[in-house]
C-alpha atoms as a PDB file:
ATOM      1  CA  MET A   1     -28.285 158.792  69.495  1.00  0.00           C
ATOM      2  CA  THR A   2     -31.870 158.738  68.291  1.00  0.00           C
ATOM      3  CA  GLY A   3     -30.880 160.342  65.009  1.00  0.00           C
ATOM      4  CA  GLN A   4     -28.181 157.742  64.392  1.00  0.00           C
ATOM      5  CA  GLY A   5     -30.669 154.872  65.025  1.00  0.00           C
ATOM      6  CA  ASP A   6     -33.210 156.328  62.626  1.00  0.00           C
ATOM      7  CA  GLN A   7     -30.550 156.561  59.938  1.00  0.00           C
ATOM      8  CA  ASP A   8     -29.601 152.889  60.455  1.00  0.00           C
ATOM      9  CA  ASN A   9     -33.234 151.803  60.247  1.00  0.00           C
ATOM     10  CA  ALA A  10     -33.744 153.824  57.085  1.00  0.00           C
ATOM     11  CA  ALA A  11     -30.627 152.277  55.495  1.00  0.00           C
ATOM     12  CA  GLU A  12     -31.825 148.762  56.350  1.00  0.00           C
ATOM     13  CA  GLU A  13     -35.233 149.522  54.886  1.00  0.00           C
ATOM     14  CA  LEU A  14     -33.675 150.806  51.673  1.00  0.00           C
ATOM     15  CA  LEU A  15     -31.466 147.699  51.458  1.00  0.00           C
ATOM     16  CA  ARG A  16     -34.477 145.422  51.994  1.00  0.00           C
ATOM     17  CA  ARG A  17     -36.425 147.229  49.266  1.00  0.00           C
ATOM     18  CA  ALA A  18     -33.477 146.970  46.889  1.00  0.00           C
ATOM     19  CA  ARG A  19     -33.228 143.246  47.467  1.00  0.00           C
ATOM     20  CA  LYS A  20     -36.972 142.875  46.941  1.00  0.00           C
ATOM     21  CA  LEU A  21     -36.775 144.818  43.697  1.00  0.00           C
ATOM     22  CA  GLN A  22     -33.835 142.652  42.562  1.00  0.00           C
ATOM     23  CA  GLU A  23     -35.782 139.450  43.331  1.00  0.00           C
ATOM     24  CA  ASN A  24     -38.837 140.767  41.483  1.00  0.00           C
ATOM     25  CA  SER A  25     -36.666 141.766  38.554  1.00  0.00           C
ATOM     26  CA  ASP A  26     -35.061 138.299  38.444  1.00  0.00           C
ATOM     27  CA  GLU A  27     -38.481 136.629  38.577  1.00  0.00           C
ATOM     28  CA  ILE A  28     -39.787 138.857  35.804  1.00  0.00           C
ATOM     29  CA  GLY A  29     -36.665 138.153  33.709  1.00  0.00           C
ATOM     30  CA  GLU A  30     -36.980 134.395  34.216  1.00  0.00           C
ATOM     31  CA  ALA A  31     -40.680 134.464  33.365  1.00  0.00           C
ATOM     32  CA  ARG A  32     -39.935 136.503  30.257  1.00  0.00           C
ATOM     33  CA  ARG A  33     -37.162 134.069  29.256  1.00  0.00           C
ATOM     34  CA  LEU A  34     -39.458 131.043  29.677  1.00  0.00           C
ATOM     35  CA  LYS A  35     -42.224 132.805  27.763  1.00  0.00           C
ATOM     36  CA  GLU A  36     -39.894 133.627  24.875  1.00  0.00           C
ATOM     37  CA  LYS A  37     -38.455 130.120  24.908  1.00  0.00           C
ATOM     38  CA  ARG A  38     -41.902 128.518  24.770  1.00  0.00           C
ATOM     39  CA  SER A  39     -43.293 130.900  22.196  1.00  0.00           C
ATOM     40  CA  GLY A  40     -43.457 130.067  18.491  1.00  0.00           C
ATOM     41  CA  ILE A  41     -40.646 132.475  17.654  1.00  0.00           C
ATOM     42  CA  GLY A  42     -38.500 130.973  20.390  1.00  0.00           C
ATOM     43  CA  GLN A  43     -39.075 127.454  19.122  1.00  0.00           C
ATOM     44  CA  VAL A  44     -38.249 128.479  15.557  1.00  0.00           C
ATOM     45  CA  SER A  45     -35.106 130.263  16.716  1.00  0.00           C
ATOM     46  CA  LYS A  46     -34.009 127.197  18.673  1.00  0.00           C
ATOM     47  CA  GLN A  47     -34.607 124.909  15.688  1.00  0.00           C
ATOM     48  CA  ILE A  48     -32.683 127.247  13.401  1.00  0.00           C
ATOM     49  CA  GLY A  49     -29.826 127.349  15.875  1.00  0.00           C
ATOM     50  CA  ASP A  50     -29.776 123.558  16.180  1.00  0.00           C
ATOM     51  CA  THR A  51     -29.864 123.207  12.388  1.00  0.00           C
ATOM     52  CA  VAL A  52     -26.988 125.639  11.935  1.00  0.00           C
ATOM     53  CA  GLU A  53     -24.972 123.864  14.630  1.00  0.00           C
ATOM     54  CA  ALA A  54     -25.629 120.439  13.055  1.00  0.00           C
ATOM     55  CA  TYR A  55     -24.708 121.801   9.617  1.00  0.00           C
ATOM     56  CA  ASN A  56     -21.450 123.205  10.938  1.00  0.00           C
ATOM     57  CA  GLN A  57     -20.628 119.904  12.627  1.00  0.00           C
ATOM     58  CA  VAL A  58     -21.421 117.851   9.510  1.00  0.00           C
ATOM     59  CA  THR A  59     -19.504 120.119   7.152  1.00  0.00           C
ATOM     60  CA  GLY A  60     -16.583 120.208   9.562  1.00  0.00           C
ATOM     61  CA  THR A  61     -16.543 116.413   9.771  1.00  0.00           C
ATOM     62  CA  ILE A  62     -16.773 116.051   5.985  1.00  0.00           C
ATOM     63  CA  GLY A  63     -13.970 118.565   5.537  1.00  0.00           C
ATOM     64  CA  TRP A  64     -11.753 116.688   7.989  1.00  0.00           C
ATOM     65  CA  LEU A  65     -12.492 113.342   6.297  1.00  0.00           C
ATOM     66  CA  TYR A  66     -11.751 114.778   2.869  1.00  0.00           C
ATOM     67  CA  SER A  67      -8.472 116.418   3.869  1.00  0.00           C
ATOM     68  CA  HIS A  68      -7.170 113.595   6.093  1.00  0.00           C
ATOM     69  CA  VAL A  69      -8.677 110.418   4.550  1.00  0.00           C
ATOM     70  CA  LEU A  70     -10.176 110.849   1.076  1.00  0.00           C
ATOM     71  CA  TYR A  71      -7.685 113.250  -0.514  1.00  0.00           C
ATOM     72  CA  PRO A  72      -4.614 111.179   0.458  1.00  0.00           C
ATOM     73  CA  VAL A  73      -6.318 108.134  -1.111  1.00  0.00           C
ATOM     74  CA  PHE A  74      -7.422 110.007  -4.254  1.00  0.00           C
ATOM     75  CA  SER A  75      -3.964 111.454  -4.783  1.00  0.00           C
ATOM     76  CA  HIS A  76      -2.126 108.174  -4.183  1.00  0.00           C
ATOM     77  CA  PRO A  77      -0.387 106.844  -7.341  1.00  0.00           C
ATOM     78  CA  TRP A  78      -2.145 103.444  -7.380  1.00  0.00           C
ATOM     79  CA  ALA A  79      -4.851 103.570  -4.688  1.00  0.00           C
ATOM     80  CA  GLY A  80      -6.397 106.597  -6.365  1.00  0.00           C
ATOM     81  CA  ALA A  81      -6.326 105.097  -9.856  1.00  0.00           C
ATOM     82  CA  PRO A  82      -9.945 103.776  -9.741  1.00  0.00           C
ATOM     83  CA  PHE A  83     -11.225 107.189  -8.622  1.00  0.00           C
ATOM     84  CA  ARG A  84      -9.320 108.997 -11.351  1.00  0.00           C
ATOM     85  CA  LEU A  85     -10.654 106.507 -13.895  1.00  0.00           C
ATOM     86  CA  TYR A  86     -14.203 107.105 -12.666  1.00  0.00           C
ATOM     87  CA  ARG A  87     -13.728 110.862 -12.939  1.00  0.00           C
ATOM     88  CA  ARG A  88     -12.635 110.478 -16.567  1.00  0.00           C
ATOM     89  CA  LEU A  89     -15.648 108.246 -17.273  1.00  0.00           C
ATOM     90  CA  TRP A  90     -17.933 110.765 -15.592  1.00  0.00           C
ATOM     91  CA  ASN A  91     -16.575 113.673 -17.625  1.00  0.00           C
ATOM     92  CA  LYS A  92     -16.848 111.697 -20.837  1.00  0.00           C
ATOM     93  CA  ALA A  93     -20.369 110.453 -20.104  1.00  0.00           C
ATOM     94  CA  VAL A  94     -22.168 113.527 -18.773  1.00  0.00           C
ATOM     95  CA  TYR A  95     -20.626 116.327 -20.869  1.00  0.00           C
ATOM     96  CA  VAL A  96     -21.177 117.098 -24.553  1.00  0.00           C
ATOM     97  CA  ALA A  97     -19.708 119.758 -26.766  1.00  0.00           C
ATOM     98  CA  ASP A  98     -21.993 122.522 -27.999  1.00  0.00           C
ATOM     99  CA  GLN A  99     -21.756 124.285 -31.351  1.00  0.00           C
ATOM    100  CA  ASP A 100     -18.956 126.467 -30.032  1.00  0.00           C
ATOM    101  CA  GLY A 101     -16.948 123.511 -28.790  1.00  0.00           C
ATOM    102  CA  ASP A 102     -17.579 124.246 -25.093  1.00  0.00           C
ATOM    103  CA  ARG A 103     -18.457 121.465 -22.696  1.00  0.00           C
ATOM    104  CA  VAL A 104     -22.084 121.410 -21.504  1.00  0.00           C
ATOM    105  CA  PHE A 105     -23.422 119.296 -18.670  1.00  0.00           C
ATOM    106  CA  VAL A 106     -26.414 117.105 -19.629  1.00  0.00           C
ATOM    107  CA  LYS A 107     -28.747 116.387 -16.703  1.00  0.00           C
ATOM    108  CA  LYS A 108     -30.199 113.245 -18.266  1.00  0.00           C
ATOM    109  CA  ARG A 109     -26.764 111.764 -18.780  1.00  0.00           C
ATOM    110  CA  GLY A 110     -25.778 112.727 -15.259  1.00  0.00           C
ATOM    111  CA  GLY A 111     -28.836 110.983 -13.821  1.00  0.00           C
ATOM    112  CA  LEU A 112     -28.161 107.820 -15.828  1.00  0.00           C
ATOM    113  CA  MET A 113     -24.528 107.900 -14.691  1.00  0.00           C
ATOM    114  CA  VAL A 114     -25.593 108.168 -11.041  1.00  0.00           C
ATOM    115  CA  LEU A 115     -28.024 105.259 -11.410  1.00  0.00           C
ATOM    116  CA  SER A 116     -25.384 103.159 -13.156  1.00  0.00           C
ATOM    117  CA  THR A 117     -22.895 103.945 -10.389  1.00  0.00           C
ATOM    118  CA  LEU A 118     -25.360 102.927  -7.664  1.00  0.00           C
ATOM    119  CA  ALA A 119     -26.169  99.681  -9.491  1.00  0.00           C
ATOM    120  CA  PHE A 120     -22.462  98.890  -9.852  1.00  0.00           C
ATOM    121  CA  LEU A 121     -21.803  99.586  -6.169  1.00  0.00           C
ATOM    122  CA  TRP A 122     -24.735  97.324  -5.271  1.00  0.00           C
ATOM    123  CA  ILE A 123     -23.318  94.342  -7.190  1.00  0.00           C
ATOM    124  CA  LEU A 124     -19.668  95.120  -6.392  1.00  0.00           C
ATOM    125  CA  PRO A 125     -19.493  92.948  -3.219  1.00  0.00           C
ATOM    126  CA  ALA A 126     -20.826  89.945  -5.167  1.00  0.00           C
ATOM    127  CA  LEU A 127     -18.311  90.558  -7.974  1.00  0.00           C
ATOM    128  CA  ILE A 128     -15.442  90.729  -5.484  1.00  0.00           C
ATOM    129  CA  SER A 129     -16.628  87.557  -3.740  1.00  0.00           C
ATOM    130  CA  LEU A 130     -16.937  85.643  -7.030  1.00  0.00           C
ATOM    131  CA  THR A 131     -13.517  86.840  -8.185  1.00  0.00           C
ATOM    132  CA  VAL A 132     -11.839  85.795  -4.938  1.00  0.00           C
ATOM    133  CA  GLU A 133     -13.585  82.405  -5.065  1.00  0.00           C
ATOM    134  CA  MET A 134     -12.527  81.859  -8.697  1.00  0.00           C
ATOM    135  CA  VAL A 135      -8.880  82.695  -7.929  1.00  0.00           C
ATOM    136  CA  TRP A 136      -8.929  80.428  -4.859  1.00  0.00           C
ATOM    137  CA  ASP A 137     -10.526  77.470  -6.679  1.00  0.00           C
ATOM    138  CA  THR A 138      -8.284  77.877  -9.711  1.00  0.00           C
ATOM    139  CA  SER A 139      -5.106  77.968  -7.631  1.00  0.00           C
ATOM    140  CA  ARG A 140      -6.147  74.836  -5.722  1.00  0.00           C
ATOM    141  CA  MET A 141      -7.096  73.093  -8.957  1.00  0.00           C
ATOM    142  CA  LEU A 142      -3.720  73.865 -10.531  1.00  0.00           C
ATOM    143  CA  THR A 143      -1.774  72.555  -7.533  1.00  0.00           C
ATOM    144  CA  SER A 144      -3.795  69.484  -6.489  1.00  0.00           C
ATOM    145  CA  TYR A 145      -5.755  68.262  -9.537  1.00  0.00           C
ATOM    146  CA  ARG A 146      -6.375  64.486  -9.661  1.00  0.00           C
ATOM    147  CA  LYS A 147      -7.976  62.541 -12.534  1.00  0.00           C
ATOM    148  CA  GLY A 148      -8.821  58.847 -12.880  1.00  0.00           C
ATOM    149  CA  GLU A 149      -8.466  58.110  -9.162  1.00  0.00           C
ATOM    150  CA  VAL A 150     -10.495  55.223  -7.704  1.00  0.00           C
ATOM    151  CA  ILE A 151     -12.448  56.248  -4.599  1.00  0.00           C
ATOM    152  CA  TYR A 152     -15.260  54.423  -2.775  1.00  0.00           C
ATOM    153  CA  LEU A 153     -18.078  56.921  -2.359  1.00  0.00           C
ATOM    154  CA  GLY A 154     -21.423  56.889  -0.589  1.00  0.00           C
ATOM    155  CA  ARG A 155     -23.896  58.863   1.508  1.00  0.00           C
ATOM    156  CA  SER A 156     -24.163  61.913  -0.706  1.00  0.00           C
ATOM    157  CA  GLN A 157     -26.491  64.636   0.555  1.00  0.00           C
ATOM    158  CA  GLU A 158     -27.427  68.259  -0.017  1.00  0.00           C
ATOM    159  CA  ILE A 159     -26.076  70.446   2.795  1.00  0.00           C
ATOM    160  CA  ASP A 160     -26.894  73.912   1.412  1.00  0.00           C
ATOM    161  CA  PRO A 161     -30.097  74.087  -0.672  1.00  0.00           C
ATOM    162  CA  LEU A 162     -29.731  77.816  -1.380  1.00  0.00           C
ATOM    163  CA  GLY A 163     -26.131  77.483  -2.540  1.00  0.00           C
ATOM    164  CA  ASN A 164     -26.771  74.111  -4.264  1.00  0.00           C
ATOM    165  CA  VAL A 165     -23.853  72.576  -2.331  1.00  0.00           C
ATOM    166  CA  PHE A 166     -23.605  68.802  -1.799  1.00  0.00           C
ATOM    167  CA  SER A 167     -21.410  66.540   0.295  1.00  0.00           C
ATOM    168  CA  ALA A 168     -20.193  63.008  -0.417  1.00  0.00           C
ATOM    169  CA  GLN A 169     -18.369  60.636   1.913  1.00  0.00           C
ATOM    170  CA  GLY A 170     -15.263  58.968   0.502  1.00  0.00           C
ATOM    171  CA  CYS A 171     -12.644  56.340   1.324  1.00  0.00           C
ATOM    172  CA  GLU A 172      -9.726  54.937  -0.629  1.00  0.00           C
ATOM    173  CA  GLN A 173     -10.851  51.363   0.157  1.00  0.00           C
ATOM    174  CA  ILE A 174     -14.111  49.565   0.896  1.00  0.00           C
ATOM    175  CA  ARG A 175     -13.591  49.419   4.639  1.00  0.00           C
ATOM    176  CA  CYS A 176     -13.507  52.928   6.134  1.00  0.00           C
ATOM    177  CA  THR A 177     -12.113  54.038   9.467  1.00  0.00           C
ATOM    178  CA  ASP A 178     -11.962  57.353  11.261  1.00  0.00           C
ATOM    179  CA  GLN A 179      -8.402  57.753   9.986  1.00  0.00           C
ATOM    180  CA  ASP A 180      -8.932  57.280   6.247  1.00  0.00           C
ATOM    181  CA  GLY A 181     -12.488  58.569   5.713  1.00  0.00           C
ATOM    182  CA  PHE A 182     -13.057  62.081   4.354  1.00  0.00           C
ATOM    183  CA  TYR A 183     -15.713  64.259   2.740  1.00  0.00           C
ATOM    184  CA  PHE A 184     -15.895  65.839  -0.685  1.00  0.00           C
ATOM    185  CA  ARG A 185     -17.756  69.036  -1.442  1.00  0.00           C
ATOM    186  CA  ILE A 186     -19.647  69.461  -4.718  1.00  0.00           C
ATOM    187  CA  LYS A 187     -20.508  73.095  -5.386  1.00  0.00           C
ATOM    188  CA  PRO A 188     -21.101  75.466  -8.309  1.00  0.00           C
ATOM    189  CA  SER A 189     -18.427  78.078  -8.956  1.00  0.00           C
ATOM    190  CA  ILE A 190     -17.010  80.019 -11.874  1.00  0.00           C
ATOM    191  CA  ALA A 191     -13.860  77.863 -11.939  1.00  0.00           C
ATOM    192  CA  HIS A 192     -15.962  74.688 -11.980  1.00  0.00           C
ATOM    193  CA  HIS A 193     -18.155  76.052 -14.781  1.00  0.00           C
ATOM    194  CA  ILE A 194     -15.067  76.845 -16.848  1.00  0.00           C
ATOM    195  CA  TRP A 195     -13.674  73.358 -16.214  1.00  0.00           C
ATOM    196  CA  SER A 196     -16.989  71.722 -17.166  1.00  0.00           C
ATOM    197  CA  LEU A 197     -17.340  73.825 -20.321  1.00  0.00           C
ATOM    198  CA  TRP A 198     -13.838  72.773 -21.379  1.00  0.00           C
ATOM    199  CA  HIS A 199     -14.338  69.054 -20.679  1.00  0.00           C
ATOM    200  CA  ASN A 200     -18.113  68.481 -21.062  1.00  0.00           C
ATOM    201  CA  TRP A 201     -19.352  71.399 -23.156  1.00  0.00           C
ATOM    202  CA  ASN A 202     -21.896  72.392 -20.511  1.00  0.00           C
ATOM    203  CA  LEU A 203     -22.088  74.109 -17.144  1.00  0.00           C
ATOM    204  CA  PHE A 204     -21.254  72.418 -13.849  1.00  0.00           C
ATOM    205  CA  TYR A 205     -24.335  71.056 -12.057  1.00  0.00           C
ATOM    206  CA  PRO A 206     -23.605  69.661  -8.559  1.00  0.00           C
ATOM    207  CA  ASP A 207     -26.893  67.746  -8.383  1.00  0.00           C
ATOM    208  CA  PHE A 208     -26.037  65.876 -11.615  1.00  0.00           C
ATOM    209  CA  VAL A 209     -22.648  64.888 -10.214  1.00  0.00           C
ATOM    210  CA  THR A 210     -24.281  63.730  -6.999  1.00  0.00           C
ATOM    211  CA  ALA A 211     -26.862  61.741  -8.955  1.00  0.00           C
ATOM    212  CA  GLY A 212     -24.074  59.406 -10.082  1.00  0.00           C
ATOM    213  CA  ILE A 213     -23.419  58.414  -6.441  1.00  0.00           C
ATOM    214  CA  GLN A 214     -25.976  55.937  -5.109  1.00  0.00           C
ATOM    215  CA  ASN A 215     -26.796  55.533  -1.429  1.00  0.00           C
ATOM    216  CA  ASP A 216     -24.833  52.293  -1.138  1.00  0.00           C
ATOM    217  CA  ILE A 217     -21.083  51.888  -1.464  1.00  0.00           C
ATOM    218  CA  ASN A 218     -19.880  52.818  -4.945  1.00  0.00           C
ATOM    219  CA  LYS A 219     -16.560  52.178  -6.633  1.00  0.00           C
ATOM    220  CA  CYS A 220     -15.997  55.445  -8.487  1.00  0.00           C
ATOM    221  CA  THR A 221     -13.419  56.838 -10.851  1.00  0.00           C
ATOM    222  CA  VAL A 222     -13.328  60.480  -9.837  1.00  0.00           C
ATOM    223  CA  THR A 223     -11.845  63.782 -10.883  1.00  0.00           C
ATOM    224  CA  SER A 224     -11.156  66.015  -7.900  1.00  0.00           C
ATOM    225  CA  TYR A 225      -8.782  68.519  -6.348  1.00  0.00           C
ATOM    226  CA  GLY A 226      -7.882  69.800  -2.904  1.00  0.00           C
ATOM    227  CA  SER A 227      -6.085  68.557   0.188  1.00  0.00           C
ATOM    228  CA  ARG A 228      -7.652  65.697   2.178  1.00  0.00           C
ATOM    229  CA  GLY A 229      -5.626  66.346   5.326  1.00  0.00           C
ATOM    230  CA  LYS A 230      -7.834  66.176   8.401  1.00  0.00           C
ATOM    231  CA  PHE A 231      -6.037  69.047  10.134  1.00  0.00           C
ATOM    232  CA  ILE A 232      -6.846  71.413   7.271  1.00  0.00           C
ATOM    233  CA  ILE A 233     -10.414  70.160   6.902  1.00  0.00           C
ATOM    234  CA  ARG A 234     -11.333  70.233  10.576  1.00  0.00           C
ATOM    235  CA  ASN A 235      -9.624  73.487  11.530  1.00  0.00           C
ATOM    236  CA  TRP A 236     -10.328  75.621   8.459  1.00  0.00           C
ATOM    237  CA  GLU A 237     -13.153  73.654   6.767  1.00  0.00           C
ATOM    238  CA  ILE A 238     -11.292  73.597   3.438  1.00  0.00           C
ATOM    239  CA  TYR A 239     -12.723  70.472   1.820  1.00  0.00           C
ATOM    240  CA  PRO A 240     -11.558  68.664  -1.323  1.00  0.00           C
ATOM    241  CA  GLN A 241     -13.794  69.347  -4.309  1.00  0.00           C
ATOM    242  CA  LEU A 242     -15.380  66.762  -6.583  1.00  0.00           C
ATOM    243  CA  LEU A 243     -15.699  67.571 -10.301  1.00  0.00           C
ATOM    244  CA  ALA A 244     -16.773  64.324 -11.990  1.00  0.00           C
ATOM    245  CA  VAL A 245     -17.635  60.713 -11.078  1.00  0.00           C
ATOM    246  CA  ASP A 246     -18.072  57.394 -12.868  1.00  0.00           C
ATOM    247  CA  CYS A 247     -19.501  54.978 -10.301  1.00  0.00           C
ATOM    248  CA  VAL A 248     -20.451  51.298 -10.111  1.00  0.00           C
ATOM    249  CA  PRO A 249     -22.243  49.983  -6.995  1.00  0.00           C
ATOM    250  CA  VAL A 250     -20.171  47.538  -4.963  1.00  0.00           C
ATOM    251  CA  ALA A 251     -21.806  44.086  -4.640  1.00  0.00           C
ATOM    252  CA  GLU A 252     -22.047  42.205  -1.354  1.00  0.00           C
ATOM    253  CA  SER A 253     -19.697  39.553  -2.723  1.00  0.00           C
ATOM    254  CA  ASP A 254     -17.042  42.206  -3.382  1.00  0.00           C
ATOM    255  CA  ILE A 255     -17.333  43.420   0.193  1.00  0.00           C
ATOM    256  CA  LYS A 256     -16.983  39.883   1.588  1.00  0.00           C
ATOM    257  CA  ALA A 257     -14.017  39.194  -0.683  1.00  0.00           C
ATOM    258  CA  PHE A 258     -12.310  42.359   0.514  1.00  0.00           C
ATOM    259  CA  GLU A 259     -12.926  41.509   4.139  1.00  0.00           C
ATOM    260  CA  ALA A 260     -11.568  37.993   3.615  1.00  0.00           C
ATOM    261  CA  THR A 261      -8.456  39.404   2.002  1.00  0.00           C
ATOM    262  CA  GLN A 262      -7.963  41.841   4.856  1.00  0.00           C
ATOM    263  CA  ASP A 263      -8.470  39.141   7.489  1.00  0.00           C
ATOM    264  CA  ALA A 264      -6.004  36.816   5.721  1.00  0.00           C
ATOM    265  CA  ALA A 265      -3.428  39.599   5.565  1.00  0.00           C
ATOM    266  CA  ALA A 266      -3.891  40.313   9.251  1.00  0.00           C
ATOM    267  CA  LYS A 267      -3.266  36.671  10.358  1.00  0.00           C
ATOM    268  CA  PRO A 268       0.332  35.817  11.264  1.00  0.00           C
ATOM    269  CA  GLU A 269       2.054  33.221   9.110  1.00  0.00           C
END
């Protein structure tokens, strides 16, 4: 019996020592791992690993975009036409033929081509905006152009100093109500410049047009275009445009004569 108990105690002691050695080994391994991680070599290794991982992610994303988005656009019959045209311009601009007739890339030409491309991309949004505005103004001018119309104008003011845009209040008769009053816009645009060059031999200046409208009521012969419907103006802010004015201030006697005429017309016979 005593021998069996001694064997059990010895086995327990060996098991306890093994566990202690395992714990010490784990602590030493953890300390070594932290030391390596915090060392200069460990930091460099981590940064290299992060850089490689980021590179793989970026290249993978670019590859997916090229194969699923860019290539289908480039290879499209009409959507890819601008890109194919740019490629031809690039090849023609940056390559020259050497004495053997082989194409040689010229770094200076390539740099100038890159700078020209960046400059074009920078002004491209403005070009698109101006083109859309010109098409819009021209289409409205062709469908709703009015010349020689008599309008009573007043209260002109500048509403956008940066854009040089003015507003003028108008009515088709001296007495205005909330049902027949409307506003003109006077703004510079490519379509207006073309119109002014054709008719006046100079550019369109909104402040000069506005200068012909005094602060009082004016009887004006105007050239304009655009719908004056209140639903369109108030919901979409699409105002009629004023191109030219020829105004004469309305005298107080004219106003009284108009009011007398209106009052006489309103009385029952």
